[in-house]
Amino acid sequence: MARSILIKDTTREEREKIVRQSLYGDCGTECEFCSGCDVRGGGRVESIYQPYIDGLKEIAEINAEYNAPFIR
């Protein structure tokens, strides 16, 4: 059974690890010097997911906001 990644079920350290592992697994490289997200206008990955790490927004909310301009 998958473990919850919701803010209420994780610590800040766990959220940092979740973001780091998810991103490295997505493109296969570390994000430092990547700028792949900059290409889509999202900025550095750290800044995109910082609200999740800080416990302010869930990942689903951040992803929805980031993708909104690209969805018709």
PDB file of N, CA and C in Angstrom:
ATOM      1  N   MET A   1       0.846  -1.179   0.000  1.00  0.00           N
ATOM      2  CA  MET A   1       0.000   0.000   0.000  1.00  0.00           C
ATOM      3  C   MET A   1       0.887   1.236   0.000  1.00  0.00           C
ATOM      4  N   ALA A   2       0.563   2.198  -0.835  1.00  0.00           N
ATOM      5  CA  ALA A   2       1.354   3.427  -0.942  1.00  0.00           C
ATOM      6  C   ALA A   2       1.165   4.294   0.303  1.00  0.00           C
ATOM      7  N   ARG A   3       2.236   4.924   0.674  1.00  0.00           N
ATOM      8  CA  ARG A   3       2.222   5.808   1.838  1.00  0.00           C
ATOM      9  C   ARG A   3       1.704   7.173   1.417  1.00  0.00           C
ATOM     10  N   SER A   4       0.961   7.827   2.275  1.00  0.00           N
ATOM     11  CA  SER A   4       0.395   9.138   1.992  1.00  0.00           C
ATOM     12  C   SER A   4       1.494  10.191   1.893  1.00  0.00           C
ATOM     13  N   ILE A   5       1.348  11.094   0.925  1.00  0.00           N
ATOM     14  CA  ILE A   5       2.285  12.205   0.784  1.00  0.00           C
ATOM     15  C   ILE A   5       1.613  13.531   1.149  1.00  0.00           C
ATOM     16  N   LEU A   6       0.431  13.449   1.730  1.00  0.00           N
ATOM     17  CA  LEU A   6      -0.267  14.658   2.149  1.00  0.00           C
ATOM     18  C   LEU A   6       0.514  15.366   3.248  1.00  0.00           C
ATOM     19  N   ILE A   7       0.377  16.676   3.287  1.00  0.00           N
ATOM     20  CA  ILE A   7       1.088  17.476   4.282  1.00  0.00           C
ATOM     21  C   ILE A   7       0.783  16.988   5.692  1.00  0.00           C
ATOM     22  N   LYS A   8      -0.476  16.689   5.972  1.00  0.00           N
ATOM     23  CA  LYS A   8      -0.871  16.273   7.328  1.00  0.00           C
ATOM     24  C   LYS A   8      -0.214  14.955   7.754  1.00  0.00           C
ATOM     25  N   ASP A   9       0.262  14.180   6.776  1.00  0.00           N
ATOM     26  CA  ASP A   9       0.843  12.877   7.074  1.00  0.00           C
ATOM     27  C   ASP A   9       2.363  12.839   6.965  1.00  0.00           C
ATOM     28  N   THR A  10       2.990  13.983   6.744  1.00  0.00           N
ATOM     29  CA  THR A  10       4.436  14.013   6.533  1.00  0.00           C
ATOM     30  C   THR A  10       5.100  15.125   7.328  1.00  0.00           C
ATOM     31  N   THR A  11       6.386  14.939   7.571  1.00  0.00           N
ATOM     32  CA  THR A  11       7.191  15.991   8.177  1.00  0.00           C
ATOM     33  C   THR A  11       7.850  16.800   7.060  1.00  0.00           C
ATOM     34  N   ARG A  12       8.399  17.936   7.401  1.00  0.00           N
ATOM     35  CA  ARG A  12       9.100  18.756   6.414  1.00  0.00           C
ATOM     36  C   ARG A  12      10.229  17.960   5.755  1.00  0.00           C
ATOM     37  N   GLU A  13      10.985  17.219   6.551  1.00  0.00           N
ATOM     38  CA  GLU A  13      12.089  16.428   6.021  1.00  0.00           C
ATOM     39  C   GLU A  13      11.587  15.367   5.044  1.00  0.00           C
ATOM     40  N   GLU A  14      10.474  14.751   5.372  1.00  0.00           N
ATOM     41  CA  GLU A  14       9.895  13.745   4.471  1.00  0.00           C
ATOM     42  C   GLU A  14       9.440  14.396   3.166  1.00  0.00           C
ATOM     43  N   ARG A  15       8.844  15.591   3.258  1.00  0.00           N
ATOM     44  CA  ARG A  15       8.403  16.290   2.049  1.00  0.00           C
ATOM     45  C   ARG A  15       9.587  16.671   1.168  1.00  0.00           C
ATOM     46  N   GLU A  16      10.681  17.107   1.768  1.00  0.00           N
ATOM     47  CA  GLU A  16      11.886  17.408   0.987  1.00  0.00           C
ATOM     48  C   GLU A  16      12.360  16.164   0.240  1.00  0.00           C
ATOM     49  N   LYS A  17      12.356  15.040   0.927  1.00  0.00           N
ATOM     50  CA  LYS A  17      12.788  13.780   0.322  1.00  0.00           C
ATOM     51  C   LYS A  17      11.828  13.344  -0.786  1.00  0.00           C
ATOM     52  N   ILE A  18      10.528  13.502  -0.564  1.00  0.00           N
ATOM     53  CA  ILE A  18       9.523  13.140  -1.564  1.00  0.00           C
ATOM     54  C   ILE A  18       9.738  13.938  -2.844  1.00  0.00           C
ATOM     55  N   VAL A  19       9.944  15.230  -2.708  1.00  0.00           N
ATOM     56  CA  VAL A  19      10.155  16.088  -3.880  1.00  0.00           C
ATOM     57  C   VAL A  19      11.445  15.693  -4.589  1.00  0.00           C
ATOM     58  N   ARG A  20      12.507  15.543  -3.842  1.00  0.00           N
ATOM     59  CA  ARG A  20      13.808  15.196  -4.428  1.00  0.00           C
ATOM     60  C   ARG A  20      13.737  13.868  -5.171  1.00  0.00           C
ATOM     61  N   GLN A  21      13.172  12.840  -4.564  1.00  0.00           N
ATOM     62  CA  GLN A  21      13.083  11.525  -5.195  1.00  0.00           C
ATOM     63  C   GLN A  21      12.162  11.537  -6.406  1.00  0.00           C
ATOM     64  N   SER A  22      11.080  12.256  -6.321  1.00  0.00           N
ATOM     65  CA  SER A  22      10.133  12.321  -7.436  1.00  0.00           C
ATOM     66  C   SER A  22      10.753  12.991  -8.647  1.00  0.00           C
ATOM     67  N   LEU A  23      11.463  14.054  -8.430  1.00  0.00           N
ATOM     68  CA  LEU A  23      12.043  14.793  -9.547  1.00  0.00           C
ATOM     69  C   LEU A  23      13.198  14.044 -10.178  1.00  0.00           C
ATOM     70  N   TYR A  24      14.036  13.429  -9.388  1.00  0.00           N
ATOM     71  CA  TYR A  24      15.165  12.690  -9.949  1.00  0.00           C
ATOM     72  C   TYR A  24      14.677  11.507 -10.754  1.00  0.00           C
ATOM     73  N   GLY A  25      13.609  10.886 -10.293  1.00  0.00           N
ATOM     74  CA  GLY A  25      13.059   9.737 -10.994  1.00  0.00           C
ATOM     75  C   GLY A  25      12.345  10.122 -12.278  1.00  0.00           C
ATOM     76  N   ASP A  26      11.869  11.359 -12.356  1.00  0.00           N
ATOM     77  CA  ASP A  26      11.103  11.803 -13.512  1.00  0.00           C
ATOM     78  C   ASP A  26      11.960  11.955 -14.754  1.00  0.00           C
ATOM     79  N   CYS A  27      13.106  12.624 -14.617  1.00  0.00           N
ATOM     80  CA  CYS A  27      13.920  12.847 -15.811  1.00  0.00           C
ATOM     81  C   CYS A  27      15.260  12.117 -15.743  1.00  0.00           C
ATOM     82  N   GLY A  28      15.573  11.528 -14.607  1.00  0.00           N
ATOM     83  CA  GLY A  28      16.792  10.739 -14.504  1.00  0.00           C
ATOM     84  C   GLY A  28      18.043  11.515 -14.162  1.00  0.00           C
ATOM     85  N   THR A  29      17.913  12.814 -13.947  1.00  0.00           N
ATOM     86  CA  THR A  29      19.073  13.616 -13.575  1.00  0.00           C
ATOM     87  C   THR A  29      18.744  14.464 -12.369  1.00  0.00           C
ATOM     88  N   GLU A  30      19.769  14.948 -11.717  1.00  0.00           N
ATOM     89  CA  GLU A  30      19.541  15.874 -10.614  1.00  0.00           C
ATOM     90  C   GLU A  30      19.135  17.212 -11.193  1.00  0.00           C
ATOM     91  N   CYS A  31      18.393  17.987 -10.426  1.00  0.00           N
ATOM     92  CA  CYS A  31      17.843  19.239 -10.935  1.00  0.00           C
ATOM     93  C   CYS A  31      18.864  20.368 -10.997  1.00  0.00           C
ATOM     94  N   GLU A  32      19.919  20.266 -10.258  1.00  0.00           N
ATOM     95  CA  GLU A  32      20.904  21.327 -10.270  1.00  0.00           C
ATOM     96  C   GLU A  32      21.442  21.522 -11.684  1.00  0.00           C
ATOM     97  N   PHE A  33      21.394  22.735 -12.163  1.00  0.00           N
ATOM     98  CA  PHE A  33      21.855  23.133 -13.492  1.00  0.00           C
ATOM     99  C   PHE A  33      20.988  22.578 -14.620  1.00  0.00           C
ATOM    100  N   CYS A  34      19.836  22.016 -14.335  1.00  0.00           N
ATOM    101  CA  CYS A  34      19.002  21.396 -15.355  1.00  0.00           C
ATOM    102  C   CYS A  34      18.263  22.438 -16.189  1.00  0.00           C
ATOM    103  N   SER A  35      17.483  23.291 -15.559  1.00  0.00           N
ATOM    104  CA  SER A  35      16.637  24.328 -16.157  1.00  0.00           C
ATOM    105  C   SER A  35      15.513  23.765 -17.016  1.00  0.00           C
ATOM    106  N   GLY A  36      15.235  22.481 -16.936  1.00  0.00           N
ATOM    107  CA  GLY A  36      14.134  21.890 -17.686  1.00  0.00           C
ATOM    108  C   GLY A  36      12.800  22.527 -17.352  1.00  0.00           C
ATOM    109  N   CYS A  37      12.584  22.863 -16.101  1.00  0.00           N
ATOM    110  CA  CYS A  37      11.338  23.514 -15.716  1.00  0.00           C
ATOM    111  C   CYS A  37      11.346  24.973 -16.147  1.00  0.00           C
ATOM    112  N   ASP A  38      12.522  25.585 -16.241  1.00  0.00           N
ATOM    113  CA  ASP A  38      12.611  26.957 -16.727  1.00  0.00           C
ATOM    114  C   ASP A  38      12.113  27.050 -18.159  1.00  0.00           C
ATOM    115  N   VAL A  39      12.323  25.997 -18.941  1.00  0.00           N
ATOM    116  CA  VAL A  39      11.905  25.990 -20.339  1.00  0.00           C
ATOM    117  C   VAL A  39      10.400  26.177 -20.435  1.00  0.00           C
ATOM    118  N   ARG A  40       9.655  25.589 -19.521  1.00  0.00           N
ATOM    119  CA  ARG A  40       8.186  25.713 -19.523  1.00  0.00           C
ATOM    120  C   ARG A  40       7.718  26.942 -18.777  1.00  0.00           C
ATOM    121  N   GLY A  41       8.636  27.748 -18.276  1.00  0.00           N
ATOM    122  CA  GLY A  41       8.258  28.985 -17.602  1.00  0.00           C
ATOM    123  C   GLY A  41       7.932  28.822 -16.141  1.00  0.00           C
ATOM    124  N   GLY A  42       8.259  27.693 -15.561  1.00  0.00           N
ATOM    125  CA  GLY A  42       7.910  27.448 -14.173  1.00  0.00           C
ATOM    126  C   GLY A  42       8.948  27.893 -13.180  1.00  0.00           C
ATOM    127  N   GLY A  43      10.145  28.167 -13.613  1.00  0.00           N
ATOM    128  CA  GLY A  43      11.200  28.540 -12.687  1.00  0.00           C
ATOM    129  C   GLY A  43      11.911  27.319 -12.149  1.00  0.00           C
ATOM    130  N   ARG A  44      12.809  27.547 -11.236  1.00  0.00           N
ATOM    131  CA  ARG A  44      13.570  26.457 -10.635  1.00  0.00           C
ATOM    132  C   ARG A  44      12.639  25.529  -9.864  1.00  0.00           C
ATOM    133  N   VAL A  45      12.920  24.265  -9.903  1.00  0.00           N
ATOM    134  CA  VAL A  45      12.081  23.260  -9.254  1.00  0.00           C
ATOM    135  C   VAL A  45      11.955  23.530  -7.756  1.00  0.00           C
ATOM    136  N   GLU A  46      13.044  23.933  -7.140  1.00  0.00           N
ATOM    137  CA  GLU A  46      12.983  24.193  -5.700  1.00  0.00           C
ATOM    138  C   GLU A  46      11.906  25.215  -5.383  1.00  0.00           C
ATOM    139  N   SER A  47      11.793  26.244  -6.202  1.00  0.00           N
ATOM    140  CA  SER A  47      10.794  27.275  -5.932  1.00  0.00           C
ATOM    141  C   SER A  47       9.385  26.799  -6.262  1.00  0.00           C
ATOM    142  N   ILE A  48       9.243  25.943  -7.253  1.00  0.00           N
ATOM    143  CA  ILE A  48       7.918  25.442  -7.619  1.00  0.00           C
ATOM    144  C   ILE A  48       7.315  24.630  -6.470  1.00  0.00           C
ATOM    145  N   TYR A  49       8.091  23.747  -5.872  1.00  0.00           N
ATOM    146  CA  TYR A  49       7.574  22.861  -4.833  1.00  0.00           C
ATOM    147  C   TYR A  49       7.867  23.332  -3.413  1.00  0.00           C
ATOM    148  N   GLN A  50       8.424  24.508  -3.255  1.00  0.00           N
ATOM    149  CA  GLN A  50       8.710  25.034  -1.917  1.00  0.00           C
ATOM    150  C   GLN A  50       7.448  25.172  -1.050  1.00  0.00           C
ATOM    151  N   PRO A  51       6.298  25.608  -1.609  1.00  0.00           N
ATOM    152  CA  PRO A  51       5.089  25.667  -0.781  1.00  0.00           C
ATOM    153  C   PRO A  51       4.684  24.308  -0.203  1.00  0.00           C
ATOM    154  N   TYR A  52       4.935  23.234  -0.940  1.00  0.00           N
ATOM    155  CA  TYR A  52       4.654  21.887  -0.414  1.00  0.00           C
ATOM    156  C   TYR A  52       5.626  21.561   0.707  1.00  0.00           C
ATOM    157  N   ILE A  53       6.884  21.795   0.470  1.00  0.00           N
ATOM    158  CA  ILE A  53       7.895  21.522   1.499  1.00  0.00           C
ATOM    159  C   ILE A  53       7.586  22.317   2.762  1.00  0.00           C
ATOM    160  N   ASP A  54       7.139  23.563   2.598  1.00  0.00           N
ATOM    161  CA  ASP A  54       6.812  24.421   3.740  1.00  0.00           C
ATOM    162  C   ASP A  54       5.476  24.088   4.379  1.00  0.00           C
ATOM    163  N   GLY A  55       4.718  23.160   3.778  1.00  0.00           N
ATOM    164  CA  GLY A  55       3.434  22.752   4.350  1.00  0.00           C
ATOM    165  C   GLY A  55       2.287  23.684   4.020  1.00  0.00           C
ATOM    166  N   LEU A  56       2.404  24.460   2.938  1.00  0.00           N
ATOM    167  CA  LEU A  56       1.381  25.437   2.584  1.00  0.00           C
ATOM    168  C   LEU A  56       0.415  24.953   1.505  1.00  0.00           C
ATOM    169  N   LYS A  57       0.895  24.147   0.567  1.00  0.00           N
ATOM    170  CA  LYS A  57       0.071  23.636  -0.535  1.00  0.00           C
ATOM    171  C   LYS A  57       0.426  22.186  -0.798  1.00  0.00           C
ATOM    172  N   GLU A  58      -0.602  21.419  -1.162  1.00  0.00           N
ATOM    173  CA  GLU A  58      -0.374  20.025  -1.530  1.00  0.00           C
ATOM    174  C   GLU A  58       0.246  19.959  -2.930  1.00  0.00           C
ATOM    175  N   ILE A  59       0.932  18.868  -3.227  1.00  0.00           N
ATOM    176  CA  ILE A  59       1.548  18.682  -4.537  1.00  0.00           C
ATOM    177  C   ILE A  59       0.501  18.790  -5.645  1.00  0.00           C
ATOM    178  N   ALA A  60      -0.664  18.215  -5.439  1.00  0.00           N
ATOM    179  CA  ALA A  60      -1.712  18.257  -6.464  1.00  0.00           C
ATOM    180  C   ALA A  60      -2.112  19.698  -6.786  1.00  0.00           C
ATOM    181  N   GLU A  61      -2.175  20.555  -5.783  1.00  0.00           N
ATOM    182  CA  GLU A  61      -2.513  21.960  -6.019  1.00  0.00           C
ATOM    183  C   GLU A  61      -1.437  22.657  -6.846  1.00  0.00           C
ATOM    184  N   ILE A  62      -0.195  22.408  -6.495  1.00  0.00           N
ATOM    185  CA  ILE A  62       0.927  23.027  -7.204  1.00  0.00           C
ATOM    186  C   ILE A  62       0.948  22.556  -8.651  1.00  0.00           C
ATOM    187  N   ASN A  63       0.790  21.259  -8.871  1.00  0.00           N
ATOM    188  CA  ASN A  63       0.788  20.717 -10.228  1.00  0.00           C
ATOM    189  C   ASN A  63      -0.362  21.296 -11.054  1.00  0.00           C
ATOM    190  N   ALA A  64      -1.534  21.430 -10.452  1.00  0.00           N
ATOM    191  CA  ALA A  64      -2.690  21.980 -11.166  1.00  0.00           C
ATOM    192  C   ALA A  64      -2.434  23.432 -11.562  1.00  0.00           C
ATOM    193  N   GLU A  65      -1.879  24.222 -10.661  1.00  0.00           N
ATOM    194  CA  GLU A  65      -1.570  25.622 -10.973  1.00  0.00           C
ATOM    195  C   GLU A  65      -0.510  25.721 -12.068  1.00  0.00           C
ATOM    196  N   TYR A  66       0.493  24.875 -11.984  1.00  0.00           N
ATOM    197  CA  TYR A  66       1.583  24.899 -12.964  1.00  0.00           C
ATOM    198  C   TYR A  66       1.093  24.517 -14.358  1.00  0.00           C
ATOM    199  N   ASN A  67       0.198  23.528 -14.437  1.00  0.00           N
ATOM    200  CA  ASN A  67      -0.297  23.030 -15.719  1.00  0.00           C
ATOM    201  C   ASN A  67      -1.476  23.805 -16.289  1.00  0.00           C
ATOM    202  N   ALA A  68      -2.132  24.619 -15.488  1.00  0.00           N
ATOM    203  CA  ALA A  68      -3.332  25.339 -15.916  1.00  0.00           C
ATOM    204  C   ALA A  68      -3.162  26.102 -17.230  1.00  0.00           C
ATOM    205  N   PRO A  69      -2.072  26.826 -17.443  1.00  0.00           N
ATOM    206  CA  PRO A  69      -1.946  27.561 -18.709  1.00  0.00           C
ATOM    207  C   PRO A  69      -1.823  26.652 -19.941  1.00  0.00           C
ATOM    208  N   PHE A  70      -1.500  25.401 -19.741  1.00  0.00           N
ATOM    209  CA  PHE A  70      -1.274  24.483 -20.855  1.00  0.00           C
ATOM    210  C   PHE A  70      -2.484  23.603 -21.168  1.00  0.00           C
ATOM    211  N   ILE A  71      -3.537  23.719 -20.348  1.00  0.00           N
ATOM    212  CA  ILE A  71      -4.731  22.900 -20.511  1.00  0.00           C
ATOM    213  C   ILE A  71      -5.854  23.757 -21.096  1.00  0.00           C
ATOM    214  N   ARG A  72      -6.490  23.223 -22.108  1.00  0.00           N
ATOM    215  CA  ARG A  72      -7.615  23.964 -22.719  1.00  0.00           C
ATOM    216  C   ARG A  72      -8.918  23.458 -22.212  1.00  0.00           C
TER     217      ARG A  72
END
